C-alpha atoms as a PDB file:
ATOM      1  CA  MET A   1     -95.507 -65.790 115.451  1.00  0.00           C
ATOM      2  CA  ASN A   2     -95.596 -69.325 117.188  1.00  0.00           C
ATOM      3  CA  LEU A   3     -93.464 -71.776 115.923  1.00  0.00           C
ATOM      4  CA  TYR A   4     -94.187 -75.491 117.187  1.00  0.00           C
ATOM      5  CA  LEU A   5     -91.604 -77.931 116.360  1.00  0.00           C
ATOM      6  CA  LEU A   6     -92.342 -81.867 116.416  1.00  0.00           C
ATOM      7  CA  ARG A   7     -90.273 -84.875 116.065  1.00  0.00           C
ATOM      8  CA  HIS A   8     -91.656 -87.905 114.200  1.00  0.00           C
ATOM      9  CA  GLY A   9     -92.804 -90.703 116.234  1.00  0.00           C
ATOM     10  CA  LEU A  10     -91.516 -94.360 116.907  1.00  0.00           C
ATOM     11  CA  ALA A  11     -90.346 -95.638 113.379  1.00  0.00           C
ATOM     12  CA  LEU A  12     -89.194 -99.181 111.844  1.00  0.00           C
ATOM     13  CA  GLU A  13     -85.158 -99.529 111.657  1.00  0.00           C
ATOM     14  CA  LEU A  14     -83.669 -99.749 108.497  1.00  0.00           C
ATOM     15  CA  GLY A  15     -83.203-103.530 107.167  1.00  0.00           C
ATOM     16  CA  THR A  16     -86.337-104.338 109.054  1.00  0.00           C
ATOM     17  CA  ALA A  17     -89.130-105.693 106.799  1.00  0.00           C
ATOM     18  CA  GLY A  18     -86.621-105.245 104.031  1.00  0.00           C
ATOM     19  CA  LEU A  19     -86.218-101.689 104.205  1.00  0.00           C
ATOM     20  CA  THR A  20     -83.177-100.127 102.593  1.00  0.00           C
ATOM     21  CA  LYS A  21     -83.946 -96.273 102.426  1.00  0.00           C
ATOM     22  CA  ASP A  22     -83.977 -94.196 105.168  1.00  0.00           C
ATOM     23  CA  SER A  23     -86.875 -92.220 103.974  1.00  0.00           C
ATOM     24  CA  GLU A  24     -89.142 -95.001 103.680  1.00  0.00           C
ATOM     25  CA  ARG A  25     -89.210 -96.009 107.319  1.00  0.00           C
ATOM     26  CA  PRO A  26     -92.611 -95.877 108.224  1.00  0.00           C
ATOM     27  CA  LEU A  27     -93.905 -95.495 112.094  1.00  0.00           C
ATOM     28  CA  THR A  28     -94.426 -98.654 114.141  1.00  0.00           C
ATOM     29  CA  PRO A  29     -97.665 -99.788 115.295  1.00  0.00           C
ATOM     30  CA  LYS A  30     -96.312 -98.431 118.883  1.00  0.00           C
ATOM     31  CA  GLY A  31     -95.569 -94.978 117.241  1.00  0.00           C
ATOM     32  CA  ARG A  32     -98.911 -94.558 115.935  1.00  0.00           C
ATOM     33  CA  ARG A  33    -100.598 -95.373 119.236  1.00  0.00           C
ATOM     34  CA  LYS A  34     -98.233 -92.787 121.127  1.00  0.00           C
ATOM     35  CA  LEU A  35     -98.748 -90.212 118.121  1.00  0.00           C
ATOM     36  CA  ARG A  36    -102.543 -90.491 118.926  1.00  0.00           C
ATOM     37  CA  LYS A  37    -102.029 -89.702 122.516  1.00  0.00           C
ATOM     38  CA  ILE A  38     -99.671 -87.065 121.661  1.00  0.00           C
ATOM     39  CA  ALA A  39    -102.427 -85.555 119.502  1.00  0.00           C
ATOM     40  CA  ALA A  40    -104.794 -85.636 122.475  1.00  0.00           C
ATOM     41  CA  GLY A  41    -102.427 -83.780 124.582  1.00  0.00           C
ATOM     42  CA  MET A  42    -102.030 -81.108 121.971  1.00  0.00           C
ATOM     43  CA  LYS A  43    -105.785 -80.998 121.811  1.00  0.00           C
ATOM     44  CA  ALA A  44    -105.933 -80.569 125.494  1.00  0.00           C
ATOM     45  CA  LEU A  45    -103.312 -77.690 125.150  1.00  0.00           C
ATOM     46  CA  GLU A  46    -106.066 -76.387 122.871  1.00  0.00           C
ATOM     47  CA  LEU A  47    -103.172 -76.117 119.901  1.00  0.00           C
ATOM     48  CA  GLU A  48    -104.533 -75.219 116.396  1.00  0.00           C
ATOM     49  CA  PHE A  49    -102.194 -74.511 113.367  1.00  0.00           C
ATOM     50  CA  ASP A  50    -102.371 -72.281 110.415  1.00  0.00           C
ATOM     51  CA  VAL A  51    -100.589 -74.949 108.486  1.00  0.00           C
ATOM     52  CA  ILE A  52     -98.574 -78.182 109.090  1.00  0.00           C
ATOM     53  CA  PHE A  53     -95.342 -78.383 107.197  1.00  0.00           C
ATOM     54  CA  SER A  54     -93.763 -81.748 107.203  1.00  0.00           C
ATOM     55  CA  SER A  55     -90.488 -83.660 105.869  1.00  0.00           C
ATOM     56  CA  PRO A  56     -91.870 -85.580 102.648  1.00  0.00           C
ATOM     57  CA  TYR A  57     -90.064 -88.979 104.657  1.00  0.00           C
ATOM     58  CA  VAL A  58     -92.934 -91.666 105.437  1.00  0.00           C
ATOM     59  CA  ARG A  59     -92.360 -91.566 109.293  1.00  0.00           C
ATOM     60  CA  ALA A  60     -92.475 -87.713 109.396  1.00  0.00           C
ATOM     61  CA  ARG A  61     -95.298 -87.857 107.083  1.00  0.00           C
ATOM     62  CA  GLN A  62     -97.237 -90.388 108.876  1.00  0.00           C
ATOM     63  CA  THR A  63     -96.879 -88.382 111.973  1.00  0.00           C
ATOM     64  CA  ALA A  64     -98.117 -85.010 110.680  1.00  0.00           C
ATOM     65  CA  GLU A  65    -101.014 -86.607 109.310  1.00  0.00           C
ATOM     66  CA  ILE A  66    -102.006 -88.505 112.434  1.00  0.00           C
ATOM     67  CA  ILE A  67    -101.533 -84.842 114.499  1.00  0.00           C
ATOM     68  CA  ALA A  68    -103.412 -83.226 111.800  1.00  0.00           C
ATOM     69  CA  VAL A  69    -106.603 -85.832 112.027  1.00  0.00           C
ATOM     70  CA  GLY A  70    -106.269 -85.698 115.676  1.00  0.00           C
ATOM     71  CA  LEU A  71    -106.622 -81.882 115.654  1.00  0.00           C
ATOM     72  CA  HIS A  72    -109.174 -82.278 112.809  1.00  0.00           C
ATOM     73  CA  ALA A  73    -106.858 -80.201 110.280  1.00  0.00           C
ATOM     74  CA  ARG A  74    -106.040 -82.586 107.916  1.00  0.00           C
ATOM     75  CA  LYS A  75    -106.162 -80.423 104.758  1.00  0.00           C
ATOM     76  CA  LYS A  76    -103.143 -78.347 106.505  1.00  0.00           C
ATOM     77  CA  VAL A  77    -100.303 -80.806 105.944  1.00  0.00           C
ATOM     78  CA  GLU A  78     -97.876 -79.495 103.432  1.00  0.00           C
ATOM     79  CA  LEU A  79     -94.672 -81.541 102.306  1.00  0.00           C
ATOM     80  CA  THR A  80     -91.432 -79.533 102.000  1.00  0.00           C
ATOM     81  CA  ALA A  81     -87.817 -81.269 101.748  1.00  0.00           C
ATOM     82  CA  THR A  82     -86.592 -78.189 103.759  1.00  0.00           C
ATOM     83  CA  LEU A  83     -87.423 -80.533 106.704  1.00  0.00           C
ATOM     84  CA  THR A  84     -85.548 -83.517 105.808  1.00  0.00           C
ATOM     85  CA  PRO A  85     -82.589 -84.531 107.881  1.00  0.00           C
ATOM     86  CA  GLY A  86     -80.329 -82.331 105.295  1.00  0.00           C
ATOM     87  CA  GLY A  87     -82.789 -79.481 104.591  1.00  0.00           C
ATOM     88  CA  SER A  88     -81.843 -75.870 104.843  1.00  0.00           C
ATOM     89  CA  HIS A  89     -82.581 -73.602 107.480  1.00  0.00           C
ATOM     90  CA  SER A  90     -82.606 -70.738 105.600  1.00  0.00           C
ATOM     91  CA  LYS A  91     -84.709 -71.889 102.966  1.00  0.00           C
ATOM     92  CA  LEU A  92     -87.296 -73.652 105.828  1.00  0.00           C
ATOM     93  CA  ILE A  93     -87.393 -69.478 107.173  1.00  0.00           C
ATOM     94  CA  GLU A  94     -87.860 -68.423 103.701  1.00  0.00           C
ATOM     95  CA  LEU A  95     -90.959 -71.123 102.913  1.00  0.00           C
ATOM     96  CA  ILE A  96     -92.454 -70.103 106.463  1.00  0.00           C
ATOM     97  CA  ASN A  97     -92.218 -65.895 105.660  1.00  0.00           C
ATOM     98  CA  GLN A  98     -93.456 -66.467 102.025  1.00  0.00           C
ATOM     99  CA  SER A  99     -96.495 -67.988 103.485  1.00  0.00           C
ATOM    100  CA  ARG A 100     -98.200 -64.494 104.357  1.00  0.00           C
ATOM    101  CA  GLY A 101    -100.314 -64.285 107.670  1.00  0.00           C
ATOM    102  CA  LEU A 102     -99.391 -67.223 109.434  1.00  0.00           C
ATOM    103  CA  GLU A 103     -99.517 -67.099 113.322  1.00  0.00           C
ATOM    104  CA  ASP A 104     -99.291 -70.454 114.459  1.00  0.00           C
ATOM    105  CA  VAL A 105     -97.035 -72.993 112.507  1.00  0.00           C
ATOM    106  CA  LEU A 106     -96.112 -76.820 113.121  1.00  0.00           C
ATOM    107  CA  LEU A 107     -92.895 -78.272 111.863  1.00  0.00           C
ATOM    108  CA  VAL A 108     -92.860 -81.939 111.647  1.00  0.00           C
ATOM    109  CA  GLY A 109     -88.911 -83.375 111.187  1.00  0.00           C
ATOM    110  CA  HIS A 110     -86.283 -85.250 112.313  1.00  0.00           C
ATOM    111  CA  GLU A 111     -83.126 -84.844 114.295  1.00  0.00           C
ATOM    112  CA  PRO A 112     -80.571 -83.346 114.588  1.00  0.00           C
ATOM    113  CA  HIS A 113     -82.112 -80.933 112.033  1.00  0.00           C
ATOM    114  CA  LEU A 114     -84.852 -79.771 114.336  1.00  0.00           C
ATOM    115  CA  SER A 115     -82.515 -79.396 117.579  1.00  0.00           C
ATOM    116  CA  GLU A 116     -80.274 -77.204 115.033  1.00  0.00           C
ATOM    117  CA  CYS A 117     -83.132 -75.277 114.031  1.00  0.00           C
ATOM    118  CA  ILE A 118     -84.229 -74.304 117.558  1.00  0.00           C
ATOM    119  CA  SER A 119     -80.611 -73.519 118.449  1.00  0.00           C
ATOM    120  CA  LEU A 120     -80.169 -70.925 115.321  1.00  0.00           C
ATOM    121  CA  LEU A 121     -83.448 -69.426 116.206  1.00  0.00           C
ATOM    122  CA  VAL A 122     -82.658 -69.081 119.738  1.00  0.00           C
ATOM    123  CA  SER A 123     -79.329 -68.679 120.150  1.00  0.00           C
ATOM    124  CA  GLY A 124     -78.136 -67.716 116.664  1.00  0.00           C
ATOM    125  CA  LYS A 125     -75.708 -70.557 116.605  1.00  0.00           C
ATOM    126  CA  SER A 126     -76.022 -74.296 116.219  1.00  0.00           C
ATOM    127  CA  GLY A 127     -74.322 -75.109 119.474  1.00  0.00           C
ATOM    128  CA  PHE A 128     -77.059 -74.620 121.691  1.00  0.00           C
ATOM    129  CA  SER A 129     -77.640 -78.042 123.101  1.00  0.00           C
ATOM    130  CA  VAL A 130     -80.987 -79.297 122.452  1.00  0.00           C
ATOM    131  CA  THR A 131     -82.467 -82.769 122.685  1.00  0.00           C
ATOM    132  CA  MET A 132     -85.726 -83.385 121.060  1.00  0.00           C
ATOM    133  CA  LYS A 133     -87.073 -87.394 122.016  1.00  0.00           C
ATOM    134  CA  LYS A 134     -89.466 -88.754 119.290  1.00  0.00           C
ATOM    135  CA  GLY A 135     -92.975 -87.089 119.471  1.00  0.00           C
ATOM    136  CA  GLY A 136     -91.395 -84.227 121.504  1.00  0.00           C
ATOM    137  CA  LEU A 137     -92.588 -80.944 120.902  1.00  0.00           C
ATOM    138  CA  CYS A 138     -91.161 -77.335 121.231  1.00  0.00           C
ATOM    139  CA  LYS A 139     -92.682 -74.038 121.216  1.00  0.00           C
ATOM    140  CA  LEU A 140     -90.895 -71.043 119.791  1.00  0.00           C
ATOM    141  CA  ALA A 141     -92.053 -67.163 119.844  1.00  0.00           C
ATOM    142  CA  ALA A 142     -91.003 -64.746 117.357  1.00  0.00           C
ATOM    143  CA  GLU A 143     -91.805 -61.110 116.411  1.00  0.00           C
ATOM    144  CA  SER A 144     -90.470 -61.971 112.976  1.00  0.00           C
ATOM    145  CA  LEU A 145     -88.799 -65.176 111.768  1.00  0.00           C
ATOM    146  CA  GLY A 146     -85.366 -64.491 110.554  1.00  0.00           C
ATOM    147  CA  PHE A 147     -82.114 -66.494 109.979  1.00  0.00           C
ATOM    148  CA  GLY A 148     -80.351 -66.191 113.411  1.00  0.00           C
ATOM    149  CA  ARG A 149     -81.240 -65.221 116.918  1.00  0.00           C
ATOM    150  CA  CYS A 150     -85.042 -64.082 116.591  1.00  0.00           C
ATOM    151  CA  ALA A 151     -86.955 -66.495 119.280  1.00  0.00           C
ATOM    152  CA  SER A 152     -87.812 -67.438 122.440  1.00  0.00           C
ATOM    153  CA  LEU A 153     -88.108 -70.779 123.672  1.00  0.00           C
ATOM    154  CA  GLU A 154     -91.661 -70.863 125.278  1.00  0.00           C
ATOM    155  CA  TRP A 155     -91.459 -74.690 126.179  1.00  0.00           C
ATOM    156  CA  LEU A 156     -90.144 -77.947 125.417  1.00  0.00           C
ATOM    157  CA  LEU A 157     -92.228 -81.098 126.233  1.00  0.00           C
ATOM    158  CA  THR A 158     -91.283 -84.798 126.038  1.00  0.00           C
ATOM    159  CA  PRO A 159     -93.912 -87.339 124.478  1.00  0.00           C
ATOM    160  CA  GLY A 160     -94.852 -88.496 128.049  1.00  0.00           C
ATOM    161  CA  GLN A 161     -95.954 -85.071 128.966  1.00  0.00           C
ATOM    162  CA  LEU A 162     -97.802 -84.653 125.911  1.00  0.00           C
ATOM    163  CA  ALA A 163     -99.668 -87.902 126.212  1.00  0.00           C
ATOM    164  CA  LEU A 164    -100.546 -87.137 129.606  1.00  0.00           C
ATOM    165  CA  MET A 165    -102.192 -83.943 129.113  1.00  0.00           C
ATOM    166  CA  GLY A 166    -104.226 -85.867 126.493  1.00  0.00           C
ATOM    167  CA  CYS A 167    -105.765 -87.925 129.243  1.00  0.00           C
END
């Protein structure tokens, strides 16, 4: 299985335009533009996904939708609370494993949740230091997905690298 982890794009800060809940922060216009370039980079890499799981937070959902549209995969976005900032890694792994026949899965979420997930799957611990920039994409490969060390880090791309691939 190939597991891809994508951090949401640039979003409005709390307090901007009366935003009082973190979960309601939308992407900025600049964030949307960058994500369209990132989607073009993902398309240049010929990435396709069996499913896109996304945090239901507005900025993550919008990120997943922009990527899905850019890859012509709009009907494949599924929202799950397991990708929110306080989501359960074990429940996320369970969700993926229950969805039989998946080879390529995209997870769209937040920091530090995504870095912790990478750390857990690659090293078996939460202390493996990984930094996911907004719009950054990581690829993990695993024969079988389990809670603990089960995957290898294939690559970690910055949003700038992805955008350049789409030019």
